[in-house]
Amino acid sequence: MYNSTHVFGHELLGRNHVTSTDIAVGSSVITVAFGVLNLFLLWKISIFHNAFGRILATRTVIEMCSSALHTSFAAYATLSQRSDYSPLWAVVVGTLGYDLAAMSCAMHVLLALNRFVSVYFPMRYPTIFSRRNSIIAIGFALVEITAVTLLGYNLIPCNTVGFSATHYSYIVLNCPDPGQERPFHFARFINITCGSFFCFGAIVIDTATIRRLFAIKKKKAYISQQHFNVQFRFTLQSLSQNIPMFVEIILLGLSDDSTDDSKTFVRIASFVLTRVTDFVNSISIIFFNPEVRRFLGLRFNQLGPTGSSSVVRTDTY
């Protein structure tokens, strides 16, 4: 059997029986796919036809891939607790899962920078975040993140990561050779870097942007009330998405990808919060944007009065 303690990666496999905790945790990662709706809204509503919308769309696709990955493997492995599969599958899922999470984190930072530039440098914003530049920035971030995560987890000894059905989270596997010590804890480095510098940095940037918007409102230094309202809503939307991401990274850092029983709650909370973060990101576009609610009202006739936005220059957002 694959779950022999003498087989490398045995800690990733199931225990061959299912507990109530397995059912609770496995069910929690099966979330409704809001991603398709989000992409449809970003495509149909003109207010998102800009750099902000492109970054949102990219992050949505990343989170859809993450949800599909977890629903197809993590939920099934947790609910079934099977142990008759190769640990390689769990390693692939763990590596891709970490890569997608890092990509999503990068898009959160890019969203915060997008809002910062649009408010502090409004005249230069259309040039800095032009269609070409925003696509290049997105592409560069994704390629760089993928290269760093894949190379780090696969080239640095004793840093193989995988999804464990019995520990309900990503864990770093023990070294394949008994007595071998891990030379560098890459996962810990990624968690601290992403949490301290990127996610927290994005919150600081959004806070600075909101502070600037309040100053503009106090002085009534805006040209258009409608333009100001959109700027404010977009920034609040960005901040609301960065906060759960930051908490998720903090919990991930506290769990330290460890199999220690004392960190069971933190591991579970971190993994489940990943799905909660995806859910928050999905509904925030509806919560913060009346244009979206009006659009959905046309389709479902339940979210308020219908109407169309009078916004013309969407590239200024």
Protein backbone atom coordinates (compact mmCIF):
# COMPACT_ATOMS: atom_id res chain seq x y z
CA MET A 1 0.00 0.00 0.00
CA TYR A 2 1.13 3.52 -0.72
CA ASN A 3 0.57 4.74 2.83
CA SER A 4 3.44 2.73 4.29
CA THR A 5 5.56 4.90 6.57
CA HIS A 6 8.62 3.77 4.56
CA VAL A 7 7.31 5.37 1.36
CA PHE A 8 8.27 8.96 0.61
CA GLY A 9 5.11 11.09 0.69
CA HIS A 10 3.09 8.67 2.84
CA GLU A 11 1.86 11.60 4.97
CA LEU A 12 -0.11 12.91 1.99
CA LEU A 13 -2.42 9.89 1.73
CA GLY A 14 -5.71 9.08 3.43
CA ARG A 15 -6.26 6.82 6.43
CA ASN A 16 -8.77 4.50 4.67
CA HIS A 17 -11.69 5.52 6.91
CA VAL A 18 -13.75 8.69 7.05
CA THR A 19 -14.46 10.80 10.14
CA SER A 20 -16.99 13.57 10.72
CA THR A 21 -14.14 16.10 10.57
CA ASP A 22 -13.21 14.78 7.14
CA ILE A 23 -16.76 15.38 5.93
CA ALA A 24 -16.94 18.88 7.42
CA VAL A 25 -13.60 20.02 6.03
CA GLY A 26 -14.04 18.31 2.67
CA SER A 27 -17.47 19.83 2.17
CA SER A 28 -16.22 23.30 3.07
CA VAL A 29 -13.88 23.41 0.07
CA ILE A 30 -16.68 22.63 -2.39
CA THR A 31 -17.84 26.17 -3.17
CA VAL A 32 -20.18 27.52 -5.79
CA ALA A 33 -18.32 28.64 -8.90
CA PHE A 34 -18.98 32.38 -9.01
CA GLY A 35 -16.05 32.89 -11.34
CA VAL A 36 -18.02 32.42 -14.55
CA LEU A 37 -20.55 35.05 -13.44
CA ASN A 38 -17.76 37.47 -12.56
CA LEU A 39 -16.11 37.09 -15.95
CA PHE A 40 -19.47 37.61 -17.64
CA LEU A 41 -20.06 40.81 -15.64
CA LEU A 42 -16.58 42.12 -16.39
CA TRP A 43 -17.19 41.47 -20.08
CA LYS A 44 -20.67 42.98 -20.30
CA ILE A 45 -20.38 46.08 -18.07
CA SER A 46 -18.33 48.85 -19.66
CA ILE A 47 -17.16 50.40 -16.39
CA PHE A 48 -14.75 47.44 -16.06
CA HIS A 49 -13.32 47.76 -19.57
CA ASN A 50 -10.00 49.07 -18.29
CA ALA A 51 -6.86 47.99 -16.43
CA PHE A 52 -8.81 47.48 -13.20
CA GLY A 53 -11.18 45.10 -14.98
CA ARG A 54 -8.33 43.25 -16.69
CA ILE A 55 -6.60 42.60 -13.37
CA LEU A 56 -9.90 41.50 -11.81
CA ALA A 57 -10.53 39.12 -14.71
CA THR A 58 -7.04 37.63 -14.40
CA ARG A 59 -7.44 37.08 -10.68
CA THR A 60 -10.88 35.56 -11.24
CA VAL A 61 -9.48 33.01 -13.72
CA ILE A 62 -6.70 32.15 -11.24
CA GLU A 63 -9.23 31.60 -8.45
CA MET A 64 -11.45 29.53 -10.73
CA CYS A 65 -8.47 27.27 -11.47
CA SER A 66 -7.72 27.06 -7.74
CA SER A 67 -11.32 26.18 -6.91
CA ALA A 68 -11.43 23.54 -9.63
CA LEU A 69 -8.16 22.07 -8.36
CA HIS A 70 -9.38 21.86 -4.77
CA THR A 71 -12.85 20.62 -5.65
CA SER A 72 -11.58 17.92 -8.00
CA PHE A 73 -8.79 16.60 -5.77
CA ALA A 74 -8.65 18.09 -2.27
CA ALA A 75 -12.35 17.70 -1.49
CA TYR A 76 -12.47 14.19 -2.97
CA ALA A 77 -9.29 13.05 -1.20
CA THR A 78 -10.49 14.48 2.11
CA LEU A 79 -13.99 13.02 1.89
CA SER A 80 -12.91 9.58 0.66
CA GLN A 81 -9.66 9.29 2.66
CA ARG A 82 -8.38 6.87 0.03
CA SER A 83 -4.76 5.81 0.18
CA ASP A 84 -4.47 3.80 -3.03
CA TYR A 85 -3.10 6.62 -5.18
CA SER A 86 0.44 7.80 -5.76
CA PRO A 87 1.66 10.66 -3.52
CA LEU A 88 2.81 12.33 -6.74
CA TRP A 89 -0.77 13.47 -7.37
CA ALA A 90 -0.90 15.24 -4.02
CA VAL A 91 2.49 16.82 -4.73
CA VAL A 92 1.29 18.15 -8.09
CA VAL A 93 -1.86 19.58 -6.48
CA GLY A 94 0.14 21.12 -3.64
CA THR A 95 2.67 22.73 -5.97
CA LEU A 96 0.01 24.09 -8.33
CA GLY A 97 -2.09 25.23 -5.37
CA TYR A 98 0.79 27.24 -3.93
CA ASP A 99 1.58 28.68 -7.36
CA LEU A 100 -2.03 29.78 -7.91
CA ALA A 101 -2.22 31.28 -4.41
CA ALA A 102 0.95 33.28 -5.06
CA MET A 103 -0.45 34.45 -8.41
CA SER A 104 -3.65 35.61 -6.72
CA CYS A 105 -1.60 37.47 -4.11
CA ALA A 106 0.32 39.22 -6.90
CA MET A 107 -2.93 40.31 -8.55
CA HIS A 108 -4.14 41.77 -5.24
CA VAL A 109 -0.98 43.87 -5.06
CA LEU A 110 -1.40 44.96 -8.68
CA LEU A 111 -4.99 46.01 -7.95
CA ALA A 112 -3.83 48.12 -5.01
CA LEU A 113 -1.14 49.77 -7.15
CA ASN A 114 -3.71 50.39 -9.86
CA ARG A 115 -5.96 52.25 -7.42
CA PHE A 116 -3.02 54.18 -5.97
CA VAL A 117 -1.85 55.45 -9.36
CA SER A 118 -5.39 56.31 -10.48
CA VAL A 119 -5.90 58.56 -7.43
CA TYR A 120 -2.44 60.04 -6.87
CA PHE A 121 -1.48 60.39 -10.55
CA PRO A 122 -4.78 60.72 -12.44
CA MET A 123 -3.28 62.49 -15.45
CA ARG A 124 -0.64 59.81 -15.97
CA TYR A 125 -2.89 56.87 -15.09
CA PRO A 126 -4.21 56.20 -18.64
CA THR A 127 -0.61 55.95 -19.87
CA ILE A 128 0.86 53.98 -16.96
CA PHE A 129 -2.02 51.49 -16.97
CA SER A 130 -2.72 51.46 -20.68
CA ARG A 131 -4.02 48.27 -22.23
CA ARG A 132 -0.52 47.28 -23.39
CA ASN A 133 1.22 48.14 -20.12
CA SER A 134 -1.38 46.44 -17.94
CA ILE A 135 -1.18 43.22 -19.98
CA ILE A 136 2.63 43.28 -19.76
CA ALA A 137 2.48 43.86 -15.99
CA ILE A 138 0.03 41.00 -15.50
CA GLY A 139 2.02 38.65 -17.72
CA PHE A 140 5.34 39.51 -16.07
CA ALA A 141 3.90 38.99 -12.58
CA LEU A 142 2.43 35.59 -13.46
CA VAL A 143 5.59 34.32 -15.18
CA GLU A 144 7.86 35.52 -12.39
CA ILE A 145 5.67 34.04 -9.64
CA THR A 146 5.43 30.70 -11.44
CA ALA A 147 9.18 30.52 -11.98
CA VAL A 148 9.98 31.34 -8.35
CA THR A 149 7.48 28.90 -6.82
CA LEU A 150 8.07 25.97 -9.15
CA LEU A 151 11.86 26.24 -9.04
CA GLY A 152 11.94 26.81 -5.28
CA TYR A 153 9.78 23.84 -4.35
CA ASN A 154 11.39 21.48 -6.83
CA LEU A 155 15.08 22.44 -6.80
CA ILE A 156 15.72 23.18 -3.11
CA PRO A 157 16.17 19.85 -1.26
CA CYS A 158 13.52 18.76 1.25
CA ASN A 159 11.00 21.42 0.17
CA THR A 160 8.49 19.26 -1.69
CA VAL A 161 4.98 20.44 -0.84
CA GLY A 162 1.75 18.49 -1.20
CA PHE A 163 -1.89 18.40 -0.12
CA SER A 164 -2.47 16.06 2.81
CA ALA A 165 -5.94 14.51 3.10
CA THR A 166 -5.45 13.68 6.77
CA HIS A 167 -4.01 17.06 7.75
CA TYR A 168 -6.50 19.04 5.63
CA SER A 169 -3.88 21.38 4.23
CA TYR A 170 -0.66 21.82 2.33
CA ILE A 171 2.33 20.41 4.14
CA VAL A 172 6.05 20.24 3.43
CA LEU A 173 7.12 16.62 3.16
CA ASN A 174 9.82 15.15 5.34
CA CYS A 175 13.19 14.66 3.69
CA PRO A 176 13.32 11.40 1.69
CA ASP A 177 16.48 10.25 3.46
CA PRO A 178 16.21 9.61 7.23
CA GLY A 179 18.37 12.01 9.20
CA GLN A 180 18.60 14.51 6.35
CA GLU A 181 17.92 18.10 7.42
CA ARG A 182 16.13 20.77 5.41
CA PRO A 183 18.75 23.35 4.30
CA PHE A 184 16.23 26.12 3.69
CA HIS A 185 12.50 26.35 4.45
CA PHE A 186 11.25 27.78 1.16
CA ALA A 187 7.53 27.62 2.06
CA ARG A 188 8.17 29.64 5.21
CA PHE A 189 10.11 32.19 3.16
CA ILE A 190 7.23 32.50 0.67
CA ASN A 191 4.62 32.85 3.43
CA ILE A 192 6.55 35.55 5.27
CA THR A 193 7.45 37.41 2.08
CA CYS A 194 3.93 37.29 0.67
CA GLY A 195 2.28 38.07 4.00
CA SER A 196 4.62 40.77 5.26
CA PHE A 197 5.58 42.58 2.10
CA PHE A 198 2.90 41.92 -0.49
CA CYS A 199 -0.46 41.37 1.22
CA PHE A 200 0.16 43.77 4.10
CA GLY A 201 1.76 46.19 1.65
CA ALA A 202 -1.38 46.09 -0.50
CA ILE A 203 -3.51 46.98 2.54
CA VAL A 204 -1.20 49.90 3.35
CA ILE A 205 -1.41 51.12 -0.25
CA ASP A 206 -5.22 50.88 -0.28
CA THR A 207 -5.39 52.70 3.05
CA ALA A 208 -3.21 55.50 1.68
CA THR A 209 -5.42 55.70 -1.40
CA ILE A 210 -8.60 55.92 0.68
CA ARG A 211 -7.02 58.61 2.85
CA ARG A 212 -6.23 60.59 -0.30
CA LEU A 213 -9.79 60.16 -1.53
CA PHE A 214 -11.17 61.51 1.75
CA ALA A 215 -8.88 64.54 1.39
CA ILE A 216 -10.14 65.10 -2.15
CA LYS A 217 -13.74 64.82 -0.98
CA LYS A 218 -13.17 67.24 1.89
CA LYS A 219 -11.71 69.84 -0.45
CA LYS A 220 -14.22 68.97 -3.19
CA ALA A 221 -11.26 68.81 -5.55
CA TYR A 222 -12.86 66.32 -7.91
CA ILE A 223 -14.10 67.21 -11.37
CA SER A 224 -16.99 64.74 -11.43
CA GLN A 225 -18.95 63.34 -8.48
CA GLN A 226 -19.63 60.20 -10.47
CA HIS A 227 -15.95 59.71 -11.25
CA PHE A 228 -15.06 60.19 -7.59
CA ASN A 229 -17.70 57.68 -6.48
CA VAL A 230 -16.35 55.04 -8.86
CA GLN A 231 -12.79 55.63 -7.67
CA PHE A 232 -13.88 55.32 -4.04
CA ARG A 233 -15.90 52.14 -4.65
CA PHE A 234 -13.12 50.48 -6.64
CA THR A 235 -10.61 51.21 -3.85
CA LEU A 236 -12.95 49.90 -1.14
CA GLN A 237 -13.46 46.78 -3.23
CA SER A 238 -9.71 46.28 -3.47
CA LEU A 239 -9.25 46.77 0.29
CA SER A 240 -12.10 44.40 1.16
CA GLN A 241 -10.41 41.69 -0.89
CA ASN A 242 -6.94 42.27 0.52
CA ILE A 243 -7.94 41.88 4.18
CA PRO A 244 -9.11 38.21 4.04
CA MET A 245 -6.12 37.42 1.83
CA PHE A 246 -3.81 38.87 4.49
CA VAL A 247 -5.49 36.89 7.29
CA GLU A 248 -5.23 33.75 5.17
CA ILE A 249 -1.49 34.28 4.66
CA ILE A 250 -1.00 34.93 8.40
CA LEU A 251 -2.72 31.63 9.26
CA LEU A 252 -0.68 29.85 6.61
CA GLY A 253 2.47 31.26 8.14
CA LEU A 254 1.41 30.18 11.63
CA SER A 255 0.71 26.65 10.43
CA ASP A 256 4.22 26.64 8.91
CA ASP A 257 3.14 23.76 6.63
CA SER A 258 3.66 21.50 9.64
CA THR A 259 2.00 18.18 10.48
CA ASP A 260 2.16 18.91 14.22
CA ASP A 261 -1.17 18.10 15.93
CA SER A 262 -1.00 21.38 17.87
CA LYS A 263 -1.43 23.26 14.59
CA THR A 264 -4.44 21.31 13.31
CA PHE A 265 -6.92 24.16 13.86
CA VAL A 266 -4.65 26.72 12.19
CA ARG A 267 -4.08 24.42 9.21
CA ILE A 268 -7.79 23.83 8.72
CA ALA A 269 -8.67 27.51 9.21
CA SER A 270 -6.05 28.57 6.69
CA PHE A 271 -7.20 26.12 4.04
CA VAL A 272 -10.92 26.84 4.50
CA LEU A 273 -10.28 30.59 4.50
CA THR A 274 -8.84 30.18 1.01
CA ARG A 275 -12.32 29.28 -0.22
CA VAL A 276 -13.86 32.06 1.89
CA THR A 277 -11.47 34.53 0.26
CA ASP A 278 -12.55 33.33 -3.18
CA PHE A 279 -16.18 33.81 -2.15
CA VAL A 280 -15.55 37.34 -0.83
CA ASN A 281 -13.73 38.25 -4.02
CA SER A 282 -16.63 36.94 -6.07
CA ILE A 283 -19.42 38.82 -4.31
CA SER A 284 -17.50 42.07 -3.79
CA ILE A 285 -18.05 43.09 -7.40
CA ILE A 286 -21.80 42.91 -6.75
CA PHE A 287 -21.71 44.51 -3.30
CA PHE A 288 -19.63 47.56 -4.23
CA ASN A 289 -20.90 48.35 -7.72
CA PRO A 290 -24.48 49.51 -8.38
CA GLU A 291 -23.83 49.10 -12.11
CA VAL A 292 -23.55 45.36 -11.50
CA ARG A 293 -26.67 45.26 -9.36
CA ARG A 294 -28.63 47.14 -12.00
CA PHE A 295 -27.37 44.77 -14.66
CA LEU A 296 -28.38 41.73 -12.65
CA GLY A 297 -31.72 43.39 -11.91
CA LEU A 298 -32.42 43.41 -15.63
CA ARG A 299 -31.88 39.66 -15.68
CA PHE A 300 -33.46 38.59 -12.41
CA ASN A 301 -35.70 41.56 -11.52
CA GLN A 302 -34.84 41.36 -7.83
CA LEU A 303 -31.83 43.54 -7.12
CA GLY A 304 -33.30 47.03 -7.39
CA PRO A 305 -34.22 49.37 -10.24
CA THR A 306 -32.67 48.92 -13.63
CA GLY A 307 -30.60 51.46 -15.46
CA SER A 308 -27.41 52.07 -17.37
CA SER A 309 -24.21 53.83 -16.43
CA SER A 310 -23.47 57.17 -18.02
CA VAL A 311 -19.72 56.63 -17.74
CA VAL A 312 -17.87 57.31 -20.98
CA ARG A 313 -14.13 57.33 -20.25
CA THR A 314 -13.62 53.99 -18.52
CA ASP A 315 -9.85 54.16 -19.05
CA THR A 316 -9.60 56.89 -16.39
CA TYR A 317 -10.57 54.45 -13.64
